[in-house]
Amino acid sequence: MKTRLTLTAIFMASFALSGCTSTPGSTAQTETANPATATQDILDASACIGSTEPPAAWVSKLNLVDDPQLLASSLGQPTKGKLCQGKVYEVKEGESLTVFRAWNSTNPNSQFGAWWAANQPNGKVAQYREGYEICYQWSPLDKMTRCELKPGSKLVIGNGQSAQCSEWLTYPVSAEQQLYLEDTETLVSNCQTYDAVFGWE
């Protein structure tokens, strides 16, 4: 089922970031005469922040499990994106979780990628990119998919690692929770896809 949804945040990204001189949020972009120093400043403060505990509404629906391989796949080095820290959980039998993914319509394999969120994208795209460590060249974020995560599915809940998008743009570590899934298409059902439309404030 395909539904049009006004996601003011999503389409503003390609315009807000096209010049690469506007800052996504207050700390996302460090513009200086010395980009190497700017990146080092972020690395110096790259300790993980945020919580790896499930959202309150999910606590009763998940079990904490041990899966070192899945956790290792989700973690990234400073400035390389992925997660800074995380824990692995499994959806309990008889339960399901609603998850969201903003993605790139020009890449047909992007819809069921590894990175998801517990909440629907909203607000300004620049702030969303900063919170979820999504470089502008990785995705225009012009589609969104909402799915139900099936019982027995494993996921990593964690917080974003810093990501260097270009010489002038490095996102610091983030407290926003991200979800990491593998073989996502086999783990989800009842998916709905939405198109971004123009919206200006």
N, C-alpha and C. Protein backbone atom coordinates (compact mmCIF):
# COMPACT_ATOMS: atom_id res chain seq x y z
N MET A 1 0.85 -1.19 0.00
CA MET A 1 0.00 0.00 0.00
C MET A 1 0.87 1.23 0.00
N LYS A 2 0.57 2.17 -0.88
CA LYS A 2 1.41 3.36 -1.01
C LYS A 2 0.57 4.58 -0.69
N THR A 3 0.98 5.34 0.26
CA THR A 3 0.22 6.49 0.74
C THR A 3 1.09 7.72 0.68
N ARG A 4 0.55 8.86 0.32
CA ARG A 4 1.30 10.10 0.35
C ARG A 4 1.27 10.65 1.75
N LEU A 5 2.39 11.05 2.24
CA LEU A 5 2.50 11.58 3.60
C LEU A 5 3.36 12.82 3.56
N THR A 6 2.87 13.91 4.12
CA THR A 6 3.67 15.13 4.13
C THR A 6 4.70 15.04 5.22
N LEU A 7 5.94 14.82 4.84
CA LEU A 7 7.06 14.79 5.77
C LEU A 7 7.86 16.04 5.48
N THR A 8 7.49 17.14 6.10
CA THR A 8 8.14 18.42 5.85
C THR A 8 9.63 18.29 5.94
N ALA A 9 10.08 17.49 6.90
CA ALA A 9 11.52 17.37 7.11
C ALA A 9 12.25 16.80 5.94
N ILE A 10 11.66 15.78 5.30
CA ILE A 10 12.46 14.96 4.41
C ILE A 10 12.88 15.71 3.15
N PHE A 11 11.95 16.38 2.45
CA PHE A 11 12.32 16.98 1.20
C PHE A 11 13.14 18.24 1.38
N MET A 12 13.09 18.84 2.55
CA MET A 12 13.89 20.04 2.77
C MET A 12 15.37 19.72 2.75
N ALA A 13 15.73 18.42 2.95
CA ALA A 13 17.14 18.06 3.07
C ALA A 13 17.92 18.39 1.83
N SER A 14 17.40 18.00 0.67
CA SER A 14 18.19 18.15 -0.54
C SER A 14 18.46 19.61 -0.84
N PHE A 15 17.58 20.51 -0.36
CA PHE A 15 17.78 21.92 -0.60
C PHE A 15 18.61 22.55 0.50
N ALA A 16 18.35 22.16 1.75
CA ALA A 16 19.09 22.75 2.86
C ALA A 16 20.56 22.38 2.81
N LEU A 17 20.84 21.19 2.24
CA LEU A 17 22.22 20.72 2.24
C LEU A 17 22.91 20.89 0.91
N SER A 18 22.16 21.32 -0.13
CA SER A 18 22.75 21.36 -1.45
C SER A 18 23.92 22.32 -1.54
N GLY A 19 23.88 23.41 -0.80
CA GLY A 19 24.98 24.34 -0.83
C GLY A 19 26.08 23.97 0.12
N CYS A 20 25.77 23.10 1.09
CA CYS A 20 26.73 22.60 2.06
C CYS A 20 27.33 23.71 2.90
N THR A 21 26.59 24.83 3.04
CA THR A 21 27.08 25.90 3.90
C THR A 21 26.16 26.11 5.09
N SER A 22 24.94 25.55 5.04
CA SER A 22 24.06 25.65 6.18
C SER A 22 24.39 24.55 7.16
N THR A 23 24.18 24.78 8.45
CA THR A 23 24.56 23.79 9.45
C THR A 23 23.36 22.97 9.86
N PRO A 24 23.42 21.60 9.78
CA PRO A 24 22.32 20.77 10.22
C PRO A 24 22.31 20.69 11.73
N GLY A 25 21.56 21.56 12.35
CA GLY A 25 21.55 21.62 13.81
C GLY A 25 22.67 22.52 14.28
N SER A 26 22.83 22.63 15.56
CA SER A 26 23.78 23.57 16.12
C SER A 26 25.21 23.08 16.11
N THR A 27 25.41 21.74 16.05
CA THR A 27 26.77 21.23 16.17
C THR A 27 27.17 20.32 15.03
N ALA A 28 26.28 20.09 14.04
CA ALA A 28 26.55 19.06 13.06
C ALA A 28 27.69 19.43 12.13
N GLN A 29 27.80 20.69 11.70
CA GLN A 29 28.78 21.05 10.71
C GLN A 29 29.82 21.96 11.31
N THR A 30 31.07 21.59 11.13
CA THR A 30 32.16 22.40 11.64
C THR A 30 32.87 23.00 10.45
N GLU A 31 32.74 24.31 10.27
CA GLU A 31 33.34 24.97 9.13
C GLU A 31 34.47 25.85 9.63
N THR A 32 35.66 25.58 9.14
CA THR A 32 36.83 26.25 9.63
C THR A 32 37.88 26.26 8.54
N ALA A 33 38.92 27.06 8.71
CA ALA A 33 39.99 27.10 7.73
C ALA A 33 40.85 25.85 7.80
N ASN A 34 40.68 25.07 8.86
CA ASN A 34 41.48 23.87 9.04
C ASN A 34 40.58 22.67 9.30
N PRO A 35 40.13 21.96 8.24
CA PRO A 35 39.20 20.83 8.44
C PRO A 35 39.79 19.71 9.28
N ALA A 36 41.09 19.51 9.23
CA ALA A 36 41.71 18.45 10.04
C ALA A 36 41.52 18.73 11.52
N THR A 37 41.66 19.99 11.90
CA THR A 37 41.45 20.38 13.29
C THR A 37 40.00 20.18 13.69
N ALA A 38 39.08 20.51 12.79
CA ALA A 38 37.65 20.36 13.07
C ALA A 38 37.31 18.91 13.35
N THR A 39 37.82 17.99 12.54
CA THR A 39 37.56 16.57 12.74
C THR A 39 38.17 16.09 14.06
N GLN A 40 39.36 16.55 14.36
CA GLN A 40 40.02 16.14 15.61
C GLN A 40 39.23 16.61 16.82
N ASP A 41 38.64 17.81 16.72
CA ASP A 41 37.82 18.31 17.83
C ASP A 41 36.67 17.36 18.12
N ILE A 42 36.06 16.82 17.07
CA ILE A 42 34.95 15.89 17.25
C ILE A 42 35.44 14.56 17.81
N LEU A 43 36.59 14.09 17.32
CA LEU A 43 37.14 12.83 17.83
C LEU A 43 37.50 12.94 19.31
N ASP A 44 37.98 14.11 19.72
CA ASP A 44 38.35 14.31 21.11
C ASP A 44 37.15 14.19 22.04
N ALA A 45 35.95 14.40 21.49
CA ALA A 45 34.73 14.33 22.30
C ALA A 45 33.84 13.17 21.82
N SER A 46 34.47 12.08 21.34
CA SER A 46 33.71 11.03 20.67
C SER A 46 33.26 9.90 21.59
N ALA A 47 33.31 10.09 22.91
CA ALA A 47 32.78 9.08 23.81
C ALA A 47 31.29 8.89 23.53
N CYS A 48 30.84 7.65 23.61
CA CYS A 48 29.44 7.36 23.30
C CYS A 48 28.51 8.06 24.29
N ILE A 49 27.37 8.50 23.78
CA ILE A 49 26.36 9.15 24.62
C ILE A 49 25.00 8.51 24.33
N GLY A 50 24.05 8.72 25.24
CA GLY A 50 22.72 8.16 25.06
C GLY A 50 22.57 6.81 25.73
N SER A 51 21.41 6.19 25.52
CA SER A 51 21.07 4.94 26.19
C SER A 51 20.84 3.82 25.18
N THR A 52 21.25 2.62 25.56
CA THR A 52 21.00 1.44 24.74
C THR A 52 19.80 0.64 25.27
N GLU A 53 19.11 1.18 26.27
CA GLU A 53 17.92 0.53 26.79
C GLU A 53 16.75 0.78 25.84
N PRO A 54 15.81 -0.16 25.73
CA PRO A 54 14.68 0.03 24.80
C PRO A 54 13.80 1.20 25.21
N PRO A 55 13.08 1.79 24.25
CA PRO A 55 12.06 2.78 24.61
C PRO A 55 11.08 2.18 25.61
N ALA A 56 10.51 3.03 26.44
CA ALA A 56 9.63 2.55 27.52
C ALA A 56 8.52 1.64 27.00
N ALA A 57 7.95 1.98 25.84
CA ALA A 57 6.84 1.19 25.30
C ALA A 57 7.28 -0.17 24.77
N TRP A 58 8.59 -0.37 24.62
CA TRP A 58 9.11 -1.62 24.08
C TRP A 58 9.66 -2.56 25.14
N VAL A 59 9.84 -2.09 26.35
CA VAL A 59 10.54 -2.87 27.38
C VAL A 59 9.92 -4.25 27.57
N SER A 60 8.61 -4.32 27.65
CA SER A 60 7.94 -5.60 27.90
C SER A 60 7.88 -6.50 26.67
N LYS A 61 8.28 -5.99 25.52
CA LYS A 61 8.18 -6.75 24.27
C LYS A 61 9.50 -7.33 23.80
N LEU A 62 10.58 -7.06 24.54
CA LEU A 62 11.91 -7.48 24.11
C LEU A 62 12.64 -8.28 25.19
N ASN A 63 13.49 -9.18 24.74
CA ASN A 63 14.43 -9.87 25.62
C ASN A 63 15.85 -9.47 25.24
N LEU A 64 16.68 -9.20 26.23
CA LEU A 64 18.10 -8.94 25.99
C LEU A 64 18.76 -10.28 25.66
N VAL A 65 19.51 -10.34 24.55
CA VAL A 65 20.15 -11.59 24.14
C VAL A 65 21.63 -11.34 23.84
N ASP A 66 22.37 -12.44 23.75
CA ASP A 66 23.80 -12.36 23.46
C ASP A 66 24.03 -12.77 22.01
N ASP A 67 24.51 -11.82 21.21
CA ASP A 67 24.83 -12.10 19.80
C ASP A 67 26.01 -11.22 19.42
N PRO A 68 27.23 -11.64 19.79
CA PRO A 68 28.41 -10.81 19.54
C PRO A 68 28.62 -10.45 18.08
N GLN A 69 28.28 -11.36 17.17
CA GLN A 69 28.49 -11.10 15.74
C GLN A 69 27.57 -9.99 15.25
N LEU A 70 26.30 -10.04 15.62
CA LEU A 70 25.36 -9.00 15.21
C LEU A 70 25.76 -7.65 15.80
N LEU A 71 26.16 -7.65 17.07
CA LEU A 71 26.58 -6.40 17.71
C LEU A 71 27.81 -5.83 17.01
N ALA A 72 28.79 -6.69 16.73
CA ALA A 72 30.01 -6.22 16.08
C ALA A 72 29.73 -5.61 14.71
N SER A 73 28.77 -6.19 13.98
CA SER A 73 28.43 -5.67 12.66
C SER A 73 27.81 -4.28 12.72
N SER A 74 27.21 -3.95 13.85
CA SER A 74 26.51 -2.67 13.98
C SER A 74 27.42 -1.53 14.42
N LEU A 75 28.60 -1.85 14.95
CA LEU A 75 29.47 -0.83 15.53
C LEU A 75 30.46 -0.29 14.52
N GLY A 76 30.75 1.01 14.62
CA GLY A 76 31.69 1.64 13.70
C GLY A 76 32.78 2.40 14.42
N GLN A 77 33.86 2.65 13.71
CA GLN A 77 34.96 3.45 14.24
C GLN A 77 34.60 4.94 14.16
N PRO A 78 35.21 5.78 15.00
CA PRO A 78 34.95 7.22 14.93
C PRO A 78 35.10 7.76 13.51
N THR A 79 34.17 8.61 13.13
CA THR A 79 34.02 9.28 11.82
C THR A 79 33.54 8.34 10.72
N LYS A 80 33.28 7.06 11.03
CA LYS A 80 32.88 6.10 10.00
C LYS A 80 31.39 5.76 10.05
N GLY A 81 30.65 6.38 10.96
CA GLY A 81 29.23 6.09 11.05
C GLY A 81 28.93 4.79 11.79
N LYS A 82 27.77 4.22 11.53
CA LYS A 82 27.22 3.06 12.25
C LYS A 82 26.91 3.46 13.70
N LEU A 83 27.05 2.52 14.65
CA LEU A 83 26.74 2.79 16.05
C LEU A 83 28.01 2.98 16.85
N CYS A 84 27.91 3.79 17.88
CA CYS A 84 29.00 3.97 18.83
C CYS A 84 28.92 2.89 19.91
N GLN A 85 27.71 2.53 20.30
CA GLN A 85 27.47 1.50 21.32
C GLN A 85 26.11 0.87 21.04
N GLY A 86 25.87 -0.32 21.59
CA GLY A 86 24.58 -0.96 21.36
C GLY A 86 24.40 -2.21 22.20
N LYS A 87 23.17 -2.70 22.25
CA LYS A 87 22.82 -3.97 22.87
C LYS A 87 21.89 -4.72 21.93
N VAL A 88 21.94 -6.06 21.99
CA VAL A 88 21.12 -6.89 21.11
C VAL A 88 19.87 -7.35 21.85
N TYR A 89 18.75 -7.24 21.17
CA TYR A 89 17.46 -7.66 21.74
C TYR A 89 16.73 -8.55 20.74
N GLU A 90 15.78 -9.32 21.27
CA GLU A 90 14.93 -10.17 20.44
C GLU A 90 13.48 -9.89 20.76
N VAL A 91 12.65 -9.77 19.73
CA VAL A 91 11.22 -9.52 19.93
C VAL A 91 10.57 -10.79 20.48
N LYS A 92 9.84 -10.64 21.58
CA LYS A 92 9.20 -11.78 22.23
C LYS A 92 8.10 -12.38 21.36
N GLU A 93 7.84 -13.65 21.57
CA GLU A 93 6.74 -14.32 20.88
C GLU A 93 5.42 -13.62 21.21
N GLY A 94 4.59 -13.47 20.19
CA GLY A 94 3.30 -12.82 20.38
C GLY A 94 3.35 -11.31 20.35
N GLU A 95 4.55 -10.75 20.15
CA GLU A 95 4.70 -9.29 20.14
C GLU A 95 5.17 -8.83 18.75
N SER A 96 5.01 -7.55 18.49
CA SER A 96 5.56 -6.93 17.28
C SER A 96 5.90 -5.49 17.60
N LEU A 97 6.79 -4.92 16.83
CA LEU A 97 7.22 -3.54 17.03
C LEU A 97 7.08 -2.77 15.73
N THR A 98 6.61 -1.53 15.80
CA THR A 98 6.53 -0.68 14.63
C THR A 98 7.84 0.06 14.46
N VAL A 99 8.42 -0.05 13.27
CA VAL A 99 9.72 0.58 12.99
C VAL A 99 9.61 1.42 11.72
N PHE A 100 10.50 2.40 11.58
CA PHE A 100 10.44 3.36 10.48
C PHE A 100 11.81 3.48 9.82
N ARG A 101 11.79 3.69 8.50
CA ARG A 101 13.04 3.91 7.77
C ARG A 101 12.82 4.97 6.69
N ALA A 102 13.62 6.03 6.73
CA ALA A 102 13.66 7.01 5.64
C ALA A 102 14.76 6.55 4.69
N TRP A 103 14.47 6.54 3.37
CA TRP A 103 15.41 5.91 2.45
C TRP A 103 15.47 6.63 1.11
N ASN A 104 16.24 6.03 0.20
CA ASN A 104 16.60 6.64 -1.08
C ASN A 104 15.88 5.94 -2.22
N SER A 105 14.93 6.62 -2.86
CA SER A 105 14.13 5.99 -3.91
C SER A 105 14.95 5.64 -5.16
N THR A 106 16.11 6.28 -5.35
CA THR A 106 16.91 5.98 -6.53
C THR A 106 17.69 4.68 -6.39
N ASN A 107 17.70 4.12 -5.19
CA ASN A 107 18.36 2.83 -4.94
C ASN A 107 17.28 1.82 -4.56
N PRO A 108 16.91 0.92 -5.46
CA PRO A 108 15.82 -0.02 -5.18
C PRO A 108 16.11 -0.95 -4.01
N ASN A 109 17.38 -1.11 -3.65
CA ASN A 109 17.72 -1.97 -2.52
C ASN A 109 17.71 -1.24 -1.19
N SER A 110 17.39 0.04 -1.22
CA SER A 110 17.50 0.87 -0.02
C SER A 110 16.32 0.72 0.94
N GLN A 111 15.17 0.31 0.43
CA GLN A 111 13.97 0.29 1.27
C GLN A 111 14.13 -0.58 2.51
N PHE A 112 14.75 -1.72 2.36
CA PHE A 112 14.90 -2.65 3.48
C PHE A 112 16.35 -2.74 3.92
N GLY A 113 16.98 -1.57 4.06
CA GLY A 113 18.34 -1.50 4.54
C GLY A 113 18.44 -1.84 6.02
N ALA A 114 19.63 -1.67 6.58
CA ALA A 114 19.90 -2.11 7.95
C ALA A 114 19.46 -1.12 9.02
N TRP A 115 19.33 0.16 8.66
CA TRP A 115 19.17 1.20 9.68
C TRP A 115 17.74 1.69 9.77
N TRP A 116 17.14 1.57 10.98
CA TRP A 116 15.75 1.92 11.21
C TRP A 116 15.63 2.77 12.49
N ALA A 117 14.42 3.24 12.75
CA ALA A 117 14.17 4.06 13.93
C ALA A 117 12.88 3.62 14.59
N ALA A 118 12.76 3.89 15.87
CA ALA A 118 11.56 3.53 16.62
C ALA A 118 10.45 4.56 16.43
N ASN A 119 10.80 5.74 15.90
CA ASN A 119 9.83 6.82 15.74
C ASN A 119 9.81 7.32 14.30
N GLN A 120 8.66 7.80 13.88
CA GLN A 120 8.53 8.36 12.53
C GLN A 120 9.36 9.63 12.40
N PRO A 121 10.10 9.79 11.28
CA PRO A 121 10.87 11.02 11.09
C PRO A 121 9.99 12.26 11.13
N ASN A 122 10.47 13.27 11.82
CA ASN A 122 9.73 14.53 11.87
C ASN A 122 10.70 15.67 12.16
N GLY A 123 10.22 16.88 12.07
CA GLY A 123 11.07 18.03 12.31
C GLY A 123 11.90 18.37 11.10
N LYS A 124 12.99 19.09 11.31
CA LYS A 124 13.84 19.53 10.21
C LYS A 124 14.78 18.41 9.77
N VAL A 125 14.93 18.26 8.47
CA VAL A 125 15.78 17.20 7.94
C VAL A 125 17.22 17.36 8.39
N ALA A 126 17.69 18.60 8.45
CA ALA A 126 19.08 18.82 8.88
C ALA A 126 19.31 18.24 10.27
N GLN A 127 18.35 18.43 11.16
CA GLN A 127 18.48 17.89 12.52
C GLN A 127 18.34 16.38 12.51
N TYR A 128 17.48 15.85 11.63
CA TYR A 128 17.33 14.40 11.54
C TYR A 128 18.62 13.76 11.04
N ARG A 129 19.24 14.37 10.03
CA ARG A 129 20.52 13.85 9.53
C ARG A 129 21.58 13.84 10.63
N GLU A 130 21.63 14.90 11.40
CA GLU A 130 22.61 14.98 12.48
C GLU A 130 22.35 13.91 13.53
N GLY A 131 21.09 13.77 13.94
CA GLY A 131 20.76 12.82 14.99
C GLY A 131 21.00 11.38 14.60
N TYR A 132 20.77 11.07 13.30
CA TYR A 132 20.90 9.69 12.83
C TYR A 132 22.13 9.47 11.96
N GLU A 133 23.03 10.44 11.92
CA GLU A 133 24.31 10.31 11.23
C GLU A 133 24.14 9.92 9.76
N ILE A 134 23.28 10.64 9.03
CA ILE A 134 23.00 10.32 7.63
C ILE A 134 23.62 11.39 6.74
N CYS A 135 24.74 11.09 6.12
CA CYS A 135 25.39 12.06 5.24
C CYS A 135 24.52 12.34 4.02
N TYR A 136 24.61 13.56 3.52
CA TYR A 136 23.77 13.98 2.40
C TYR A 136 24.03 13.14 1.15
N GLN A 137 25.26 12.66 0.96
CA GLN A 137 25.55 11.87 -0.24
C GLN A 137 25.07 10.43 -0.13
N TRP A 138 24.67 10.00 1.06
CA TRP A 138 24.19 8.64 1.23
C TRP A 138 22.74 8.48 0.82
N SER A 139 21.93 9.52 1.03
CA SER A 139 20.51 9.40 0.72
C SER A 139 19.83 10.76 0.69
N PRO A 140 18.92 10.99 -0.27
CA PRO A 140 18.11 12.20 -0.25
C PRO A 140 16.94 12.10 0.72
N LEU A 141 16.71 10.92 1.30
CA LEU A 141 15.62 10.71 2.27
C LEU A 141 14.27 11.13 1.67
N ASP A 142 13.96 10.62 0.49
CA ASP A 142 12.72 11.02 -0.18
C ASP A 142 11.61 9.98 -0.10
N LYS A 143 11.86 8.90 0.62
CA LYS A 143 10.84 7.88 0.86
C LYS A 143 10.87 7.49 2.33
N MET A 144 9.75 6.99 2.83
CA MET A 144 9.70 6.44 4.17
C MET A 144 8.89 5.15 4.15
N THR A 145 9.37 4.16 4.88
CA THR A 145 8.64 2.90 5.02
C THR A 145 8.38 2.64 6.49
N ARG A 146 7.16 2.23 6.77
CA ARG A 146 6.74 1.84 8.12
C ARG A 146 6.41 0.35 8.10
N CYS A 147 6.98 -0.42 9.01
CA CYS A 147 6.77 -1.87 9.04
C CYS A 147 6.55 -2.36 10.46
N GLU A 148 6.08 -3.59 10.56
CA GLU A 148 5.99 -4.28 11.83
C GLU A 148 7.13 -5.30 11.91
N LEU A 149 7.89 -5.24 12.99
CA LEU A 149 8.98 -6.19 13.21
C LEU A 149 8.41 -7.45 13.84
N LYS A 150 8.66 -8.59 13.22
CA LYS A 150 8.02 -9.85 13.62
C LYS A 150 8.59 -10.41 14.92
N PRO A 151 7.81 -11.25 15.61
CA PRO A 151 8.31 -11.97 16.78
C PRO A 151 9.55 -12.79 16.41
N GLY A 152 10.51 -12.86 17.31
CA GLY A 152 11.72 -13.61 17.06
C GLY A 152 12.81 -12.82 16.36
N SER A 153 12.48 -11.62 15.87
CA SER A 153 13.47 -10.80 15.18
C SER A 153 14.51 -10.27 16.17
N LYS A 154 15.75 -10.25 15.74
CA LYS A 154 16.82 -9.66 16.54
C LYS A 154 17.15 -8.27 16.00
N LEU A 155 17.46 -7.38 16.90
CA LEU A 155 17.84 -6.03 16.52
C LEU A 155 18.85 -5.48 17.51
N VAL A 156 19.66 -4.55 17.06
CA VAL A 156 20.57 -3.84 17.95
C VAL A 156 19.98 -2.46 18.19
N ILE A 157 19.89 -2.07 19.45
CA ILE A 157 19.46 -0.72 19.82
C ILE A 157 20.71 0.02 20.30
N GLY A 158 21.01 1.13 19.67
CA GLY A 158 22.22 1.85 20.05
C GLY A 158 22.18 3.31 19.67
N ASN A 159 23.33 3.95 19.81
CA ASN A 159 23.46 5.39 19.56
C ASN A 159 24.53 5.63 18.50
N GLY A 160 24.36 6.68 17.71
CA GLY A 160 25.18 6.90 16.55
C GLY A 160 26.64 7.23 16.82
N GLN A 161 27.50 6.63 16.01
CA GLN A 161 28.92 6.97 15.99
C GLN A 161 29.10 8.22 15.13
N SER A 162 30.19 8.94 15.33
CA SER A 162 30.46 10.11 14.50
C SER A 162 30.65 9.69 13.05
N ALA A 163 30.35 10.61 12.12
CA ALA A 163 30.44 10.31 10.70
C ALA A 163 31.01 11.51 9.96
N GLN A 164 32.07 11.29 9.22
CA GLN A 164 32.66 12.36 8.40
C GLN A 164 32.10 12.25 6.99
N CYS A 165 31.30 13.24 6.60
CA CYS A 165 30.64 13.21 5.30
C CYS A 165 31.50 13.84 4.21
N SER A 166 32.30 14.83 4.56
CA SER A 166 33.14 15.53 3.61
C SER A 166 34.24 16.24 4.37
N GLU A 167 35.06 16.97 3.65
CA GLU A 167 36.14 17.72 4.27
C GLU A 167 35.62 18.73 5.28
N TRP A 168 34.38 19.21 5.04
CA TRP A 168 33.86 20.30 5.86
C TRP A 168 32.70 19.88 6.77
N LEU A 169 32.24 18.66 6.66
CA LEU A 169 31.06 18.25 7.42
C LEU A 169 31.30 16.94 8.15
N THR A 170 31.32 17.00 9.48
CA THR A 170 31.45 15.81 10.32
C THR A 170 30.38 15.87 11.40
N TYR A 171 29.56 14.82 11.47
CA TYR A 171 28.56 14.74 12.53
C TYR A 171 29.21 14.13 13.77
N PRO A 172 28.98 14.71 14.94
CA PRO A 172 29.51 14.12 16.17
C PRO A 172 28.68 12.92 16.61
N VAL A 173 29.12 12.22 17.66
CA VAL A 173 28.32 11.12 18.20
C VAL A 173 26.95 11.65 18.59
N SER A 174 25.96 10.78 18.59
CA SER A 174 24.58 11.20 18.84
C SER A 174 23.93 10.35 19.93
N ALA A 175 23.05 10.99 20.69
CA ALA A 175 22.28 10.27 21.70
C ALA A 175 21.02 9.64 21.13
N GLU A 176 20.66 10.01 19.88
CA GLU A 176 19.45 9.44 19.26
C GLU A 176 19.61 7.93 19.11
N GLN A 177 18.55 7.20 19.43
CA GLN A 177 18.60 5.75 19.28
C GLN A 177 18.35 5.33 17.84
N GLN A 178 19.18 4.42 17.37
CA GLN A 178 19.02 3.82 16.06
C GLN A 178 18.85 2.32 16.22
N LEU A 179 18.22 1.70 15.22
CA LEU A 179 18.00 0.26 15.22
C LEU A 179 18.78 -0.35 14.06
N TYR A 180 19.52 -1.40 14.35
CA TYR A 180 20.27 -2.11 13.31
C TYR A 180 19.67 -3.49 13.11
N LEU A 181 19.33 -3.82 11.86
CA LEU A 181 18.74 -5.10 11.51
C LEU A 181 19.54 -5.73 10.38
N GLU A 182 19.57 -7.05 10.32
CA GLU A 182 20.18 -7.76 9.20
C GLU A 182 19.12 -8.62 8.52
N ASP A 183 19.22 -8.75 7.19
CA ASP A 183 18.21 -9.46 6.40
C ASP A 183 16.82 -8.92 6.73
N THR A 184 16.72 -7.60 6.69
CA THR A 184 15.53 -6.91 7.19
C THR A 184 14.24 -7.37 6.52
N GLU A 185 14.29 -7.59 5.23
CA GLU A 185 13.05 -7.92 4.51
C GLU A 185 12.40 -9.19 5.04
N THR A 186 13.19 -10.09 5.61
CA THR A 186 12.64 -11.32 6.18
C THR A 186 12.08 -11.13 7.59
N LEU A 187 12.39 -9.98 8.20
CA LEU A 187 12.00 -9.73 9.59
C LEU A 187 10.75 -8.87 9.73
N VAL A 188 10.30 -8.27 8.61
CA VAL A 188 9.21 -7.29 8.71
C VAL A 188 7.98 -7.73 7.91
N SER A 189 6.84 -7.15 8.29
CA SER A 189 5.59 -7.41 7.58
C SER A 189 4.71 -6.18 7.69
N ASN A 190 3.58 -6.20 6.98
CA ASN A 190 2.60 -5.11 7.01
C ASN A 190 3.26 -3.75 6.75
N CYS A 191 4.09 -3.70 5.72
CA CYS A 191 4.82 -2.46 5.42
C CYS A 191 3.98 -1.50 4.59
N GLN A 192 4.14 -0.24 4.86
CA GLN A 192 3.52 0.83 4.09
C GLN A 192 4.62 1.80 3.66
N THR A 193 4.52 2.29 2.43
CA THR A 193 5.53 3.20 1.90
C THR A 193 4.91 4.56 1.64
N TYR A 194 5.66 5.60 1.96
CA TYR A 194 5.18 6.97 1.82
C TYR A 194 6.15 7.79 0.98
N ASP A 195 5.60 8.75 0.24
CA ASP A 195 6.41 9.69 -0.55
C ASP A 195 6.58 10.98 0.21
N ALA A 196 7.77 11.56 0.10
CA ALA A 196 7.98 12.91 0.63
C ALA A 196 7.36 13.91 -0.34
N VAL A 197 6.84 15.00 0.20
CA VAL A 197 6.31 16.09 -0.62
C VAL A 197 6.88 17.40 -0.10
N PHE A 198 6.87 18.43 -0.94
CA PHE A 198 7.40 19.71 -0.54
C PHE A 198 6.59 20.31 0.61
N GLY A 199 7.30 20.90 1.56
CA GLY A 199 6.66 21.63 2.63
C GLY A 199 7.65 22.63 3.17
N TRP A 200 7.24 23.87 3.35
CA TRP A 200 8.17 24.92 3.75
C TRP A 200 7.64 25.68 4.96
N GLU A 201 8.49 26.06 5.86
CA GLU A 201 8.10 26.83 7.02
C GLU A 201 8.68 28.24 6.92
